[in-house]
Amino acid sequence: MTARTAEIVRNTAETQIRVVVDLDGGGRCRLATGIGFFDHMLEQIARHAALDLTIEAKGDLHIDGHHTVEDVGITLGQAIARALGDKKGIRRYGHAYVPLDEALSRVVIDLSGRPGLAWNVPFTRAMIGEFDVDLAHEFFQGFVNHAQVTLHVENLRGDNAHHQCETVFKAFARALRMAVEPDPRAAGVVPSTKGSL
């Protein structure tokens, strides 16, 4: 199997971002976004999707975290799309339920080639430390738009916003891991009746 890796560099007036991804890694990561809680969530993606991930981001954090978080989502989406290539031989679909104490989230993903985000995450508070919970949605919207995937994200229950957010990121990681896995029953085949994704 050819290496499923990619490196994307995105430079704008608001952010400078570099993402390196290896879909067949072991969960190793090097993360430096300048936003501690966001780095913690990105680490969940690397660990639970079993991919190697480097993210270096410098953004206009003197304003707020919005541009940095959104642009990391965009750049990660581009990197995942490039690493997947023509998507031959993958499972395409993935799903996961992940609990953390009282919180439970469900994420379902389709590497469809079409961007779509269904988001139902009723956070119980507006901030997790210095992290605005609205930025979780911005991250996934950026990812979806540029990875060209369909993503359904639901927090089914939870009282602690940290737990809610962490279960979302972990469930996303587990669903992504399933979707990008090679399917031994369909090696070399694009998982679509159209013949392309």
N, C-alpha and C. Protein backbone atom coordinates (compact mmCIF):
# COMPACT_ATOMS: atom_id res chain seq x y z
N MET A 1 0.85 -1.19 0.00
CA MET A 1 0.00 0.00 0.00
C MET A 1 0.89 1.24 0.00
N THR A 2 0.55 2.21 -0.83
CA THR A 2 1.31 3.45 -0.86
C THR A 2 1.09 4.24 0.41
N ALA A 3 2.05 5.07 0.74
CA ALA A 3 1.97 5.88 1.96
C ALA A 3 0.78 6.83 1.87
N ARG A 4 0.02 6.87 2.94
CA ARG A 4 -1.14 7.77 2.99
C ARG A 4 -0.79 8.95 3.90
N THR A 5 0.04 9.82 3.34
CA THR A 5 0.54 10.96 4.09
C THR A 5 0.30 12.24 3.31
N ALA A 6 0.32 13.36 4.01
CA ALA A 6 0.20 14.66 3.35
C ALA A 6 0.75 15.74 4.25
N GLU A 7 1.22 16.78 3.61
CA GLU A 7 1.64 17.99 4.31
C GLU A 7 0.98 19.18 3.62
N ILE A 8 0.33 20.03 4.40
CA ILE A 8 -0.33 21.23 3.87
C ILE A 8 0.16 22.44 4.66
N VAL A 9 0.51 23.48 3.94
CA VAL A 9 0.87 24.75 4.55
C VAL A 9 -0.14 25.78 4.08
N ARG A 10 -0.71 26.52 5.02
CA ARG A 10 -1.71 27.54 4.72
C ARG A 10 -1.29 28.84 5.39
N ASN A 11 -1.02 29.86 4.60
CA ASN A 11 -0.62 31.16 5.12
C ASN A 11 -1.62 32.22 4.68
N THR A 12 -2.18 32.93 5.65
CA THR A 12 -3.07 34.05 5.36
C THR A 12 -2.63 35.24 6.21
N ALA A 13 -3.32 36.34 6.08
CA ALA A 13 -3.03 37.51 6.90
C ALA A 13 -3.38 37.27 8.36
N GLU A 14 -4.20 36.22 8.63
CA GLU A 14 -4.65 35.95 10.00
C GLU A 14 -3.91 34.79 10.65
N THR A 15 -3.48 33.80 9.86
CA THR A 15 -2.86 32.61 10.43
C THR A 15 -1.77 32.07 9.51
N GLN A 16 -0.83 31.38 10.12
CA GLN A 16 0.17 30.59 9.39
C GLN A 16 0.13 29.19 9.99
N ILE A 17 -0.22 28.22 9.16
CA ILE A 17 -0.49 26.87 9.67
C ILE A 17 0.22 25.83 8.81
N ARG A 18 0.78 24.84 9.48
CA ARG A 18 1.39 23.68 8.82
C ARG A 18 0.81 22.42 9.47
N VAL A 19 0.30 21.53 8.63
CA VAL A 19 -0.26 20.26 9.10
C VAL A 19 0.41 19.13 8.34
N VAL A 20 0.87 18.13 9.07
CA VAL A 20 1.41 16.90 8.49
C VAL A 20 0.62 15.75 9.08
N VAL A 21 0.13 14.86 8.22
CA VAL A 21 -0.68 13.74 8.69
C VAL A 21 -0.23 12.44 8.04
N ASP A 22 -0.25 11.37 8.82
CA ASP A 22 0.00 10.01 8.33
C ASP A 22 -1.16 9.16 8.81
N LEU A 23 -2.03 8.76 7.88
CA LEU A 23 -3.24 8.02 8.25
C LEU A 23 -2.93 6.65 8.83
N ASP A 24 -1.75 6.13 8.57
CA ASP A 24 -1.38 4.80 9.05
C ASP A 24 -0.34 4.87 10.16
N GLY A 25 -0.38 5.94 10.91
CA GLY A 25 0.55 6.12 12.02
C GLY A 25 0.10 5.38 13.27
N GLY A 26 0.62 5.83 14.39
CA GLY A 26 0.32 5.15 15.65
C GLY A 26 -0.23 6.05 16.72
N GLY A 27 -0.68 7.25 16.35
CA GLY A 27 -1.26 8.14 17.34
C GLY A 27 -0.29 9.15 17.91
N ARG A 28 0.88 9.29 17.27
CA ARG A 28 1.86 10.26 17.75
C ARG A 28 1.47 11.66 17.28
N CYS A 29 1.79 12.67 18.08
CA CYS A 29 1.44 14.03 17.67
C CYS A 29 2.42 15.04 18.22
N ARG A 30 2.56 16.13 17.47
CA ARG A 30 3.27 17.33 17.88
C ARG A 30 2.34 18.49 17.59
N LEU A 31 1.89 19.18 18.63
CA LEU A 31 0.84 20.18 18.48
C LEU A 31 1.26 21.49 19.12
N ALA A 32 1.08 22.56 18.39
CA ALA A 32 1.39 23.89 18.94
C ALA A 32 0.51 24.92 18.25
N THR A 33 -0.69 25.11 18.81
CA THR A 33 -1.62 26.10 18.25
C THR A 33 -1.68 27.38 19.07
N GLY A 34 -1.10 27.35 20.26
CA GLY A 34 -1.22 28.49 21.16
C GLY A 34 -2.48 28.49 21.98
N ILE A 35 -3.33 27.47 21.80
CA ILE A 35 -4.60 27.35 22.55
C ILE A 35 -4.56 25.99 23.25
N GLY A 36 -4.34 26.01 24.54
CA GLY A 36 -4.09 24.78 25.28
C GLY A 36 -5.21 23.75 25.18
N PHE A 37 -6.44 24.17 25.40
CA PHE A 37 -7.55 23.22 25.35
C PHE A 37 -7.71 22.64 23.95
N PHE A 38 -7.51 23.46 22.93
CA PHE A 38 -7.61 22.99 21.54
C PHE A 38 -6.53 21.95 21.25
N ASP A 39 -5.32 22.19 21.72
CA ASP A 39 -4.26 21.18 21.57
C ASP A 39 -4.68 19.86 22.23
N HIS A 40 -5.33 19.96 23.37
CA HIS A 40 -5.81 18.76 24.09
C HIS A 40 -6.83 18.01 23.23
N MET A 41 -7.71 18.72 22.55
CA MET A 41 -8.70 18.08 21.69
C MET A 41 -8.05 17.48 20.44
N LEU A 42 -7.09 18.19 19.86
CA LEU A 42 -6.38 17.65 18.69
C LEU A 42 -5.59 16.40 19.04
N GLU A 43 -5.07 16.34 20.26
CA GLU A 43 -4.38 15.14 20.71
C GLU A 43 -5.33 13.94 20.75
N GLN A 44 -6.59 14.19 21.11
CA GLN A 44 -7.58 13.11 21.10
C GLN A 44 -7.76 12.56 19.68
N ILE A 45 -7.76 13.47 18.68
CA ILE A 45 -7.90 13.01 17.30
C ILE A 45 -6.75 12.10 16.92
N ALA A 46 -5.52 12.54 17.19
CA ALA A 46 -4.35 11.73 16.83
C ALA A 46 -4.39 10.38 17.52
N ARG A 47 -4.63 10.40 18.82
CA ARG A 47 -4.56 9.16 19.60
C ARG A 47 -5.66 8.18 19.21
N HIS A 48 -6.88 8.66 19.11
CA HIS A 48 -8.01 7.75 18.93
C HIS A 48 -8.30 7.43 17.46
N ALA A 49 -7.77 8.24 16.55
CA ALA A 49 -7.84 7.88 15.13
C ALA A 49 -6.62 7.08 14.70
N ALA A 50 -5.65 6.94 15.62
CA ALA A 50 -4.41 6.20 15.35
C ALA A 50 -3.69 6.75 14.12
N LEU A 51 -3.66 8.08 14.04
CA LEU A 51 -2.90 8.72 12.97
C LEU A 51 -1.82 9.60 13.58
N ASP A 52 -0.73 9.77 12.85
CA ASP A 52 0.33 10.68 13.30
C ASP A 52 0.00 12.07 12.80
N LEU A 53 0.17 13.06 13.68
CA LEU A 53 -0.31 14.40 13.38
C LEU A 53 0.66 15.45 13.92
N THR A 54 1.08 16.33 13.02
CA THR A 54 1.84 17.52 13.42
C THR A 54 1.02 18.74 13.01
N ILE A 55 0.79 19.62 13.97
CA ILE A 55 0.10 20.88 13.67
C ILE A 55 0.87 22.01 14.33
N GLU A 56 1.35 22.93 13.49
CA GLU A 56 2.00 24.14 13.96
C GLU A 56 1.16 25.32 13.47
N ALA A 57 0.69 26.13 14.40
CA ALA A 57 -0.19 27.24 14.03
C ALA A 57 0.21 28.50 14.78
N LYS A 58 0.29 29.59 14.03
CA LYS A 58 0.48 30.91 14.61
C LYS A 58 -0.66 31.77 14.09
N GLY A 59 -1.48 32.26 15.01
CA GLY A 59 -2.65 33.03 14.61
C GLY A 59 -2.79 34.31 15.40
N ASP A 60 -3.82 35.06 15.06
CA ASP A 60 -4.07 36.35 15.71
C ASP A 60 -4.81 36.16 17.03
N LEU A 61 -4.14 35.48 17.95
CA LEU A 61 -4.76 35.17 19.24
C LEU A 61 -4.97 36.40 20.10
N HIS A 62 -4.33 37.52 19.74
CA HIS A 62 -4.59 38.76 20.47
C HIS A 62 -6.01 39.25 20.22
N ILE A 63 -6.64 38.75 19.13
CA ILE A 63 -8.05 39.05 18.86
C ILE A 63 -8.90 38.01 19.59
N ASP A 64 -8.82 36.78 19.13
CA ASP A 64 -9.40 35.63 19.82
C ASP A 64 -8.94 34.37 19.08
N GLY A 65 -9.49 33.23 19.45
CA GLY A 65 -9.04 31.98 18.86
C GLY A 65 -9.75 31.58 17.58
N HIS A 66 -10.72 32.39 17.13
CA HIS A 66 -11.59 31.97 16.04
C HIS A 66 -10.82 31.62 14.77
N HIS A 67 -9.99 32.52 14.28
CA HIS A 67 -9.30 32.28 13.01
C HIS A 67 -8.36 31.08 13.11
N THR A 68 -7.68 30.95 14.24
CA THR A 68 -6.74 29.84 14.40
C THR A 68 -7.47 28.51 14.38
N VAL A 69 -8.53 28.39 15.14
CA VAL A 69 -9.26 27.12 15.23
C VAL A 69 -9.90 26.77 13.89
N GLU A 70 -10.56 27.73 13.27
CA GLU A 70 -11.19 27.48 11.98
C GLU A 70 -10.17 27.09 10.92
N ASP A 71 -9.05 27.81 10.88
CA ASP A 71 -8.06 27.54 9.84
C ASP A 71 -7.31 26.24 10.07
N VAL A 72 -7.16 25.82 11.32
CA VAL A 72 -6.61 24.48 11.58
C VAL A 72 -7.59 23.43 11.05
N GLY A 73 -8.89 23.63 11.25
CA GLY A 73 -9.88 22.71 10.69
C GLY A 73 -9.79 22.63 9.18
N ILE A 74 -9.67 23.79 8.54
CA ILE A 74 -9.54 23.83 7.07
C ILE A 74 -8.30 23.07 6.62
N THR A 75 -7.17 23.35 7.25
CA THR A 75 -5.90 22.77 6.82
C THR A 75 -5.86 21.27 7.11
N LEU A 76 -6.39 20.85 8.25
CA LEU A 76 -6.46 19.42 8.54
C LEU A 76 -7.36 18.71 7.54
N GLY A 77 -8.48 19.34 7.19
CA GLY A 77 -9.36 18.75 6.18
C GLY A 77 -8.66 18.57 4.85
N GLN A 78 -7.90 19.58 4.44
CA GLN A 78 -7.15 19.47 3.18
C GLN A 78 -6.11 18.35 3.25
N ALA A 79 -5.46 18.22 4.39
CA ALA A 79 -4.43 17.19 4.55
C ALA A 79 -5.04 15.78 4.52
N ILE A 80 -6.15 15.59 5.20
CA ILE A 80 -6.82 14.29 5.20
C ILE A 80 -7.26 13.94 3.78
N ALA A 81 -7.84 14.90 3.07
CA ALA A 81 -8.30 14.65 1.70
C ALA A 81 -7.13 14.25 0.80
N ARG A 82 -6.03 14.94 0.92
CA ARG A 82 -4.87 14.62 0.09
C ARG A 82 -4.30 13.26 0.45
N ALA A 83 -4.23 12.95 1.74
CA ALA A 83 -3.68 11.66 2.17
C ALA A 83 -4.55 10.49 1.71
N LEU A 84 -5.86 10.71 1.59
CA LEU A 84 -6.77 9.65 1.14
C LEU A 84 -6.65 9.38 -0.34
N GLY A 85 -6.22 10.37 -1.12
CA GLY A 85 -6.08 10.17 -2.56
C GLY A 85 -7.40 9.82 -3.21
N ASP A 86 -7.40 8.75 -4.03
CA ASP A 86 -8.63 8.38 -4.77
C ASP A 86 -9.61 7.56 -3.94
N LYS A 87 -9.25 7.26 -2.69
CA LYS A 87 -10.12 6.57 -1.72
C LYS A 87 -10.38 5.10 -2.09
N LYS A 88 -9.61 4.56 -2.99
CA LYS A 88 -9.78 3.14 -3.32
C LYS A 88 -9.43 2.27 -2.12
N GLY A 89 -10.28 1.28 -1.88
CA GLY A 89 -10.00 0.27 -0.87
C GLY A 89 -10.27 0.66 0.56
N ILE A 90 -10.94 1.81 0.80
CA ILE A 90 -11.24 2.20 2.18
C ILE A 90 -12.68 1.82 2.53
N ARG A 91 -12.97 1.85 3.81
CA ARG A 91 -14.33 1.51 4.26
C ARG A 91 -15.32 2.62 3.93
N ARG A 92 -14.88 3.87 3.90
CA ARG A 92 -15.67 5.06 3.57
C ARG A 92 -16.53 5.56 4.73
N TYR A 93 -17.26 4.69 5.38
CA TYR A 93 -18.17 5.08 6.46
C TYR A 93 -17.56 4.74 7.82
N GLY A 94 -17.85 5.57 8.80
CA GLY A 94 -17.42 5.28 10.16
C GLY A 94 -18.39 5.86 11.16
N HIS A 95 -18.45 5.24 12.32
CA HIS A 95 -19.35 5.74 13.37
C HIS A 95 -18.78 5.36 14.72
N ALA A 96 -19.13 6.13 15.73
CA ALA A 96 -18.65 5.83 17.08
C ALA A 96 -19.53 6.51 18.12
N TYR A 97 -19.72 5.80 19.22
CA TYR A 97 -20.26 6.37 20.45
C TYR A 97 -19.11 6.42 21.45
N VAL A 98 -18.95 7.54 22.12
CA VAL A 98 -17.90 7.64 23.14
C VAL A 98 -18.47 8.30 24.39
N PRO A 99 -18.32 7.63 25.55
CA PRO A 99 -18.73 8.23 26.82
C PRO A 99 -17.54 8.81 27.56
N LEU A 100 -17.79 9.76 28.41
CA LEU A 100 -16.82 10.23 29.40
C LEU A 100 -17.63 10.64 30.62
N ASP A 101 -17.58 9.81 31.64
CA ASP A 101 -18.41 10.02 32.83
C ASP A 101 -19.88 10.18 32.42
N GLU A 102 -20.48 11.34 32.68
CA GLU A 102 -21.91 11.52 32.41
C GLU A 102 -22.21 11.89 30.96
N ALA A 103 -21.18 12.20 30.19
CA ALA A 103 -21.37 12.69 28.82
C ALA A 103 -21.28 11.54 27.81
N LEU A 104 -22.04 11.66 26.73
CA LEU A 104 -22.04 10.66 25.67
C LEU A 104 -22.26 11.35 24.34
N SER A 105 -21.40 11.06 23.37
CA SER A 105 -21.54 11.64 22.03
C SER A 105 -21.48 10.57 20.97
N ARG A 106 -22.15 10.88 19.85
CA ARG A 106 -22.18 9.99 18.69
C ARG A 106 -21.73 10.79 17.47
N VAL A 107 -20.83 10.20 16.70
CA VAL A 107 -20.37 10.83 15.45
C VAL A 107 -20.44 9.79 14.34
N VAL A 108 -20.98 10.20 13.20
CA VAL A 108 -21.06 9.35 12.01
C VAL A 108 -20.44 10.13 10.85
N ILE A 109 -19.56 9.47 10.08
CA ILE A 109 -18.87 10.14 8.99
C ILE A 109 -18.99 9.33 7.70
N ASP A 110 -19.08 10.05 6.60
CA ASP A 110 -19.07 9.47 5.26
C ASP A 110 -18.05 10.26 4.45
N LEU A 111 -17.02 9.58 3.98
CA LEU A 111 -15.99 10.22 3.15
C LEU A 111 -16.53 10.33 1.73
N SER A 112 -17.56 11.13 1.59
CA SER A 112 -18.47 11.12 0.45
C SER A 112 -18.00 11.95 -0.74
N GLY A 113 -17.07 12.88 -0.50
CA GLY A 113 -16.74 13.83 -1.54
C GLY A 113 -17.69 15.02 -1.57
N ARG A 114 -18.63 15.05 -0.62
CA ARG A 114 -19.60 16.14 -0.52
C ARG A 114 -19.58 16.70 0.90
N PRO A 115 -19.39 18.00 1.05
CA PRO A 115 -19.35 18.57 2.40
C PRO A 115 -20.74 18.73 3.00
N GLY A 116 -20.90 18.26 4.23
CA GLY A 116 -22.15 18.46 4.94
C GLY A 116 -21.93 18.23 6.42
N LEU A 117 -22.40 19.15 7.24
CA LEU A 117 -22.25 19.02 8.69
C LEU A 117 -23.61 19.15 9.36
N ALA A 118 -23.99 18.13 10.11
CA ALA A 118 -25.16 18.19 10.99
C ALA A 118 -24.62 18.24 12.42
N TRP A 119 -24.92 19.30 13.13
CA TRP A 119 -24.30 19.57 14.43
C TRP A 119 -25.38 19.75 15.49
N ASN A 120 -25.35 18.91 16.50
CA ASN A 120 -26.30 19.04 17.60
C ASN A 120 -25.54 18.81 18.91
N VAL A 121 -24.93 19.87 19.39
CA VAL A 121 -24.11 19.79 20.60
C VAL A 121 -24.53 20.92 21.53
N PRO A 122 -25.45 20.64 22.46
CA PRO A 122 -25.96 21.68 23.36
C PRO A 122 -25.04 21.85 24.58
N PHE A 123 -23.94 22.59 24.37
CA PHE A 123 -23.00 22.80 25.47
C PHE A 123 -23.70 23.45 26.66
N THR A 124 -23.30 23.04 27.85
CA THR A 124 -23.94 23.53 29.07
C THR A 124 -23.35 24.85 29.55
N ARG A 125 -22.24 25.27 28.95
CA ARG A 125 -21.72 26.60 29.25
C ARG A 125 -20.97 27.11 28.03
N ALA A 126 -20.70 28.42 28.03
CA ALA A 126 -20.14 29.07 26.84
C ALA A 126 -18.62 28.95 26.74
N MET A 127 -17.96 28.75 27.86
CA MET A 127 -16.50 28.70 27.85
C MET A 127 -16.01 27.47 28.59
N ILE A 128 -14.94 26.88 28.05
CA ILE A 128 -14.20 25.82 28.76
C ILE A 128 -12.83 26.42 29.03
N GLY A 129 -12.62 26.91 30.24
CA GLY A 129 -11.43 27.71 30.50
C GLY A 129 -11.47 28.95 29.62
N GLU A 130 -10.44 29.09 28.76
CA GLU A 130 -10.38 30.23 27.84
C GLU A 130 -10.90 29.88 26.45
N PHE A 131 -11.46 28.69 26.29
CA PHE A 131 -11.90 28.20 24.98
C PHE A 131 -13.39 28.43 24.80
N ASP A 132 -13.75 29.22 23.79
CA ASP A 132 -15.15 29.49 23.45
C ASP A 132 -15.73 28.24 22.77
N VAL A 133 -16.79 27.66 23.33
CA VAL A 133 -17.31 26.40 22.79
C VAL A 133 -17.82 26.54 21.36
N ASP A 134 -18.17 27.75 20.93
CA ASP A 134 -18.59 27.94 19.54
C ASP A 134 -17.49 27.54 18.56
N LEU A 135 -16.24 27.58 19.00
CA LEU A 135 -15.12 27.27 18.12
C LEU A 135 -15.06 25.79 17.76
N ALA A 136 -15.66 24.94 18.57
CA ALA A 136 -15.71 23.52 18.21
C ALA A 136 -16.48 23.35 16.91
N HIS A 137 -17.61 24.03 16.79
CA HIS A 137 -18.38 23.98 15.55
C HIS A 137 -17.57 24.55 14.39
N GLU A 138 -16.87 25.65 14.60
CA GLU A 138 -16.08 26.28 13.54
C GLU A 138 -14.97 25.34 13.05
N PHE A 139 -14.36 24.61 13.97
CA PHE A 139 -13.33 23.65 13.59
C PHE A 139 -13.90 22.57 12.67
N PHE A 140 -15.01 21.98 13.08
CA PHE A 140 -15.59 20.89 12.29
C PHE A 140 -16.17 21.39 10.97
N GLN A 141 -16.72 22.61 10.95
CA GLN A 141 -17.22 23.16 9.69
C GLN A 141 -16.07 23.37 8.70
N GLY A 142 -14.97 23.90 9.18
CA GLY A 142 -13.80 24.06 8.32
C GLY A 142 -13.28 22.73 7.82
N PHE A 143 -13.24 21.74 8.72
CA PHE A 143 -12.78 20.41 8.34
C PHE A 143 -13.67 19.80 7.26
N VAL A 144 -14.97 19.82 7.50
CA VAL A 144 -15.94 19.22 6.57
C VAL A 144 -15.85 19.86 5.19
N ASN A 145 -15.79 21.17 5.15
CA ASN A 145 -15.77 21.88 3.88
C ASN A 145 -14.56 21.51 3.02
N HIS A 146 -13.44 21.25 3.67
CA HIS A 146 -12.20 21.04 2.92
C HIS A 146 -11.76 19.58 2.84
N ALA A 147 -12.27 18.74 3.72
CA ALA A 147 -12.06 17.30 3.57
C ALA A 147 -13.10 16.71 2.62
N GLN A 148 -14.18 17.48 2.37
CA GLN A 148 -15.27 17.03 1.51
C GLN A 148 -15.91 15.75 2.07
N VAL A 149 -16.36 15.86 3.32
CA VAL A 149 -17.00 14.72 3.98
C VAL A 149 -18.36 15.14 4.52
N THR A 150 -19.20 14.15 4.76
CA THR A 150 -20.46 14.35 5.46
C THR A 150 -20.24 13.91 6.90
N LEU A 151 -20.63 14.76 7.85
CA LEU A 151 -20.35 14.51 9.26
C LEU A 151 -21.57 14.85 10.10
N HIS A 152 -22.01 13.88 10.89
CA HIS A 152 -23.10 14.09 11.84
C HIS A 152 -22.52 14.00 13.25
N VAL A 153 -22.69 15.07 14.03
CA VAL A 153 -22.12 15.15 15.37
C VAL A 153 -23.24 15.44 16.36
N GLU A 154 -23.38 14.57 17.35
CA GLU A 154 -24.42 14.75 18.36
C GLU A 154 -23.87 14.47 19.75
N ASN A 155 -24.07 15.40 20.65
CA ASN A 155 -23.85 15.12 22.05
C ASN A 155 -25.19 14.69 22.63
N LEU A 156 -25.30 13.44 23.01
CA LEU A 156 -26.57 12.86 23.43
C LEU A 156 -26.93 13.23 24.86
N ARG A 157 -25.91 13.41 25.69
CA ARG A 157 -26.14 13.87 27.07
C ARG A 157 -24.83 14.36 27.65
N GLY A 158 -24.94 15.16 28.68
CA GLY A 158 -23.76 15.66 29.36
C GLY A 158 -24.06 16.90 30.16
N ASP A 159 -23.41 17.01 31.31
CA ASP A 159 -23.56 18.17 32.18
C ASP A 159 -22.31 19.04 32.20
N ASN A 160 -21.16 18.42 31.98
CA ASN A 160 -19.88 19.09 32.05
C ASN A 160 -19.42 19.40 30.62
N ALA A 161 -19.24 20.67 30.31
CA ALA A 161 -18.91 21.07 28.94
C ALA A 161 -17.57 20.49 28.47
N HIS A 162 -16.61 20.38 29.37
CA HIS A 162 -15.33 19.76 29.01
C HIS A 162 -15.57 18.32 28.57
N HIS A 163 -16.37 17.59 29.33
CA HIS A 163 -16.68 16.20 28.97
C HIS A 163 -17.44 16.14 27.65
N GLN A 164 -18.39 17.04 27.47
CA GLN A 164 -19.15 17.06 26.21
C GLN A 164 -18.21 17.23 25.02
N CYS A 165 -17.33 18.20 25.10
CA CYS A 165 -16.43 18.49 23.99
C CYS A 165 -15.46 17.35 23.75
N GLU A 166 -14.94 16.79 24.82
CA GLU A 166 -13.96 15.71 24.67
C GLU A 166 -14.60 14.47 24.05
N THR A 167 -15.84 14.16 24.42
CA THR A 167 -16.49 13.00 23.80
C THR A 167 -16.75 13.24 22.32
N VAL A 168 -17.04 14.48 21.93
CA VAL A 168 -17.24 14.80 20.52
C VAL A 168 -15.95 14.54 19.74
N PHE A 169 -14.83 15.05 20.23
CA PHE A 169 -13.56 14.89 19.51
C PHE A 169 -13.12 13.43 19.49
N LYS A 170 -13.32 12.71 20.59
CA LYS A 170 -12.93 11.30 20.62
C LYS A 170 -13.81 10.47 19.69
N ALA A 171 -15.11 10.74 19.69
CA ALA A 171 -16.01 10.00 18.80
C ALA A 171 -15.69 10.31 17.34
N PHE A 172 -15.39 11.57 17.04
CA PHE A 172 -14.96 11.92 15.69
C PHE A 172 -13.73 11.12 15.29
N ALA A 173 -12.77 11.05 16.18
CA ALA A 173 -11.53 10.33 15.89
C ALA A 173 -11.79 8.86 15.61
N ARG A 174 -12.62 8.25 16.43
CA ARG A 174 -12.92 6.82 16.25
C ARG A 174 -13.69 6.57 14.96
N ALA A 175 -14.61 7.45 14.63
CA ALA A 175 -15.36 7.31 13.38
C ALA A 175 -14.44 7.49 12.18
N LEU A 176 -13.56 8.48 12.25
CA LEU A 176 -12.60 8.71 11.17
C LEU A 176 -11.68 7.51 11.00
N ARG A 177 -11.22 6.96 12.10
CA ARG A 177 -10.35 5.78 12.05
C ARG A 177 -11.03 4.64 11.29
N MET A 178 -12.29 4.40 11.58
CA MET A 178 -13.03 3.34 10.91
C MET A 178 -13.18 3.63 9.42
N ALA A 179 -13.49 4.87 9.08
CA ALA A 179 -13.78 5.22 7.70
C ALA A 179 -12.55 5.14 6.79
N VAL A 180 -11.39 5.49 7.32
CA VAL A 180 -10.18 5.50 6.48
C VAL A 180 -9.49 4.14 6.44
N GLU A 181 -9.93 3.20 7.25
CA GLU A 181 -9.30 1.88 7.28
C GLU A 181 -9.41 1.17 5.93
N PRO A 182 -8.36 0.47 5.53
CA PRO A 182 -8.46 -0.38 4.35
C PRO A 182 -9.51 -1.47 4.56
N ASP A 183 -10.29 -1.74 3.54
CA ASP A 183 -11.31 -2.79 3.57
C ASP A 183 -10.77 -3.99 2.80
N PRO A 184 -10.40 -5.06 3.49
CA PRO A 184 -9.79 -6.19 2.81
C PRO A 184 -10.71 -6.87 1.79
N ARG A 185 -12.00 -6.63 1.89
CA ARG A 185 -12.94 -7.23 0.93
C ARG A 185 -13.15 -6.37 -0.30
N ALA A 186 -12.54 -5.18 -0.31
CA ALA A 186 -12.74 -4.28 -1.43
C ALA A 186 -11.44 -3.58 -1.81
N ALA A 187 -10.36 -4.33 -1.78
CA ALA A 187 -9.04 -3.75 -2.10
C ALA A 187 -9.03 -3.20 -3.51
N GLY A 188 -8.57 -1.96 -3.65
CA GLY A 188 -8.44 -1.36 -4.97
C GLY A 188 -9.74 -0.87 -5.59
N VAL A 189 -10.82 -0.95 -4.83
CA VAL A 189 -12.13 -0.57 -5.34
C VAL A 189 -12.60 0.71 -4.66
N VAL A 190 -13.11 1.64 -5.44
CA VAL A 190 -13.70 2.85 -4.86
C VAL A 190 -15.06 2.47 -4.27
N PRO A 191 -15.30 2.77 -2.99
CA PRO A 191 -16.55 2.36 -2.35
C PRO A 191 -17.74 3.24 -2.75
N SER A 192 -18.10 3.19 -4.02
CA SER A 192 -19.23 3.95 -4.52
C SER A 192 -19.69 3.33 -5.83
N THR A 193 -21.01 3.27 -6.03
CA THR A 193 -21.54 2.77 -7.30
C THR A 193 -21.23 3.74 -8.44
N LYS A 194 -20.88 4.97 -8.13
CA LYS A 194 -20.52 5.94 -9.16
C LYS A 194 -19.12 5.69 -9.71
N GLY A 195 -18.31 5.00 -8.90
CA GLY A 195 -16.94 4.74 -9.34
C GLY A 195 -15.94 5.80 -8.92
N SER A 196 -16.42 6.84 -8.24
CA SER A 196 -15.50 7.88 -7.74
C SER A 196 -16.14 8.57 -6.55
N LEU A 197 -15.29 9.13 -5.70
CA LEU A 197 -15.75 9.88 -4.53
C LEU A 197 -15.03 11.21 -4.51
